[in-house]
Amino acid sequence: MSDVRQQIEVELQRIEQEEGVNILSACESGSRAWGFPSKDSDYDVRYIYIRPVEWYLSIFEKRDVIERPISDMLDINGWDLKKALNLFRKSNPPLLEWLQSPIVYLENGSVAEQIRRVSPLTFSPRSCMHHYLHMAKGNYREYL
């Protein structure tokens, strides 16, 4: 096992302990996942997690994202399963990319596989097109 992969797995375990969550699926996102990292590319680790039942029973809105500061070439962020499923309903491209990543760091249970299995039934090319078109316009304005 590579040193970086081992470091990623240790970080994911640390997040589970510190945040009191269970990570269901974790993968590489971005340039490394698709085989074109640059020399200074970091590792973009993305994951889906769940919390204990009591957390979901609150009447107060709670943060449904866990973000860690980028450190040592690791950019690790995750979404709560409820958030992920709501975005899945809308054909959220980043989530769909995570689910298709060829670099999987862990999968606990069958949630990711179940989402993959139903994604052809719910996928909206139109939603994805709008997402990427919006990104392209923003990049054009900011960089070109």
Protein backbone atom coordinates (compact mmCIF):
# COMPACT_ATOMS: atom_id res chain seq x y z
CA MET A 1 0.00 0.00 0.00
CA SER A 2 1.37 3.40 -0.90
CA ASP A 3 2.30 5.86 1.83
CA VAL A 4 -0.24 8.42 0.56
CA ARG A 5 -3.08 5.91 0.46
CA GLN A 6 -2.21 4.83 3.99
CA GLN A 7 -2.15 8.49 5.10
CA ILE A 8 -5.58 9.03 3.49
CA GLU A 9 -7.03 6.00 5.26
CA VAL A 10 -5.62 7.21 8.60
CA GLU A 11 -7.17 10.66 8.00
CA LEU A 12 -10.55 9.11 7.19
CA GLN A 13 -10.40 7.09 10.42
CA ARG A 14 -9.47 10.25 12.34
CA ILE A 15 -12.47 12.08 10.85
CA GLU A 16 -14.78 9.23 11.87
CA GLN A 17 -13.51 9.39 15.44
CA GLU A 18 -13.39 13.18 15.80
CA GLU A 19 -16.74 13.85 14.11
CA GLY A 20 -18.62 10.79 15.37
CA VAL A 21 -19.53 9.70 11.84
CA ASN A 22 -19.41 6.52 9.81
CA ILE A 23 -17.89 7.02 6.36
CA LEU A 24 -19.84 4.97 3.83
CA SER A 25 -17.82 5.71 0.73
CA ALA A 26 -14.58 7.59 0.01
CA CYS A 27 -12.89 8.15 -3.34
CA GLU A 28 -10.50 10.32 -5.29
CA SER A 29 -12.02 13.20 -7.22
CA GLY A 30 -10.45 15.53 -9.76
CA SER A 31 -7.35 15.22 -11.88
CA ARG A 32 -5.82 12.20 -10.14
CA ALA A 33 -9.04 10.23 -10.48
CA TRP A 34 -9.12 10.81 -14.22
CA GLY A 35 -5.43 10.17 -14.85
CA PHE A 36 -4.07 13.65 -15.54
CA PRO A 37 -2.53 15.04 -12.35
CA SER A 38 0.11 17.73 -12.57
CA LYS A 39 3.36 17.54 -10.60
CA ASP A 40 1.81 19.61 -7.79
CA SER A 41 -1.69 18.10 -7.79
CA ASP A 42 -3.08 17.40 -4.36
CA TYR A 43 -5.26 14.43 -3.46
CA ASP A 44 -8.94 15.40 -3.62
CA VAL A 45 -10.58 12.88 -1.30
CA ARG A 46 -14.38 13.02 -1.19
CA TYR A 47 -16.67 10.96 1.00
CA ILE A 48 -20.26 10.34 2.05
CA TYR A 49 -20.96 9.77 5.73
CA ILE A 50 -23.77 9.20 8.22
CA ARG A 51 -24.15 10.34 11.80
CA PRO A 52 -25.93 8.66 14.72
CA VAL A 53 -29.74 8.67 14.48
CA GLU A 54 -30.10 11.28 17.24
CA TRP A 55 -28.31 13.86 15.07
CA TYR A 56 -31.04 13.61 12.42
CA LEU A 57 -33.85 14.00 14.97
CA SER A 58 -33.01 17.58 15.89
CA ILE A 59 -35.41 20.38 14.95
CA PHE A 60 -32.42 22.63 14.27
CA GLU A 61 -30.59 22.81 10.98
CA LYS A 62 -27.09 21.39 11.29
CA ARG A 63 -24.07 21.53 9.05
CA ASP A 64 -24.19 18.64 6.59
CA VAL A 65 -20.63 19.00 5.27
CA ILE A 66 -17.31 18.16 6.88
CA GLU A 67 -14.40 20.15 5.51
CA ARG A 68 -10.82 19.90 6.60
CA PRO A 69 -8.16 22.48 5.76
CA ILE A 70 -5.90 21.39 2.91
CA SER A 71 -2.70 20.00 4.38
CA ASP A 72 0.19 17.87 3.18
CA MET A 73 -1.28 17.50 -0.31
CA LEU A 74 -4.60 16.26 1.10
CA ASP A 75 -7.90 18.00 0.36
CA ILE A 76 -10.49 15.92 2.23
CA ASN A 77 -14.19 16.86 2.34
CA GLY A 78 -17.42 14.96 2.83
CA TRP A 79 -21.18 15.23 2.58
CA ASP A 80 -23.82 13.78 4.86
CA LEU A 81 -25.83 11.02 3.17
CA LYS A 82 -29.05 13.07 3.32
CA LYS A 83 -27.35 15.96 1.51
CA ALA A 84 -25.83 13.55 -1.03
CA LEU A 85 -29.22 11.96 -1.75
CA ASN A 86 -30.90 15.34 -2.19
CA LEU A 87 -28.18 16.34 -4.65
CA PHE A 88 -28.40 12.94 -6.35
CA ARG A 89 -32.07 13.66 -7.01
CA LYS A 90 -30.92 16.71 -8.99
CA SER A 91 -28.24 14.81 -10.98
CA ASN A 92 -25.46 16.64 -9.16
CA PRO A 93 -22.36 16.14 -11.35
CA PRO A 94 -19.72 16.16 -8.59
CA LEU A 95 -21.58 13.41 -6.71
CA LEU A 96 -22.01 11.39 -9.90
CA GLU A 97 -18.28 11.78 -10.56
CA TRP A 98 -17.47 10.55 -7.05
CA LEU A 99 -19.60 7.47 -7.60
CA GLN A 100 -17.75 6.67 -10.84
CA SER A 101 -14.24 7.38 -9.57
CA PRO A 102 -11.77 4.62 -10.45
CA ILE A 103 -9.89 5.28 -7.17
CA VAL A 104 -11.92 4.09 -4.20
CA TYR A 105 -10.40 4.42 -0.74
CA LEU A 106 -13.21 2.67 1.11
CA GLU A 107 -16.78 1.51 0.81
CA ASN A 108 -18.64 0.42 3.93
CA GLY A 109 -21.95 -1.21 3.18
CA SER A 110 -23.77 -1.05 -0.11
CA VAL A 111 -25.02 2.56 -0.21
CA ALA A 112 -22.66 3.72 -2.96
CA GLU A 113 -23.42 0.64 -5.05
CA GLN A 114 -27.18 1.12 -4.61
CA ILE A 115 -26.91 4.75 -5.73
CA ARG A 116 -24.81 3.69 -8.74
CA ARG A 117 -27.41 1.08 -9.64
CA VAL A 118 -30.31 3.56 -9.73
CA SER A 119 -28.40 6.48 -11.24
CA PRO A 120 -29.30 5.56 -14.85
CA LEU A 121 -32.96 5.84 -13.86
CA THR A 122 -32.61 9.32 -12.39
CA PHE A 123 -29.79 10.90 -14.40
CA SER A 124 -30.66 14.17 -16.14
CA PRO A 125 -28.25 15.15 -18.93
CA ARG A 126 -29.89 18.56 -18.98
CA SER A 127 -29.02 19.23 -15.31
CA CYS A 128 -25.43 18.18 -15.88
CA MET A 129 -25.17 20.30 -19.00
CA HIS A 130 -26.36 23.36 -17.07
CA HIS A 131 -23.86 22.66 -14.30
CA TYR A 132 -20.89 22.39 -16.65
CA LEU A 133 -22.05 25.33 -18.76
CA HIS A 134 -22.24 27.48 -15.61
CA MET A 135 -18.73 26.33 -14.64
CA ALA A 136 -17.40 27.11 -18.13
CA LYS A 137 -18.92 30.61 -18.06
CA GLY A 138 -17.37 31.27 -14.66
CA ASN A 139 -13.96 30.03 -15.79
CA TYR A 140 -14.20 32.12 -18.94
CA ARG A 141 -15.02 35.26 -16.93
CA GLU A 142 -12.39 34.65 -14.28
CA TYR A 143 -9.47 33.30 -16.27
CA LEU A 144 -9.98 34.25 -19.91
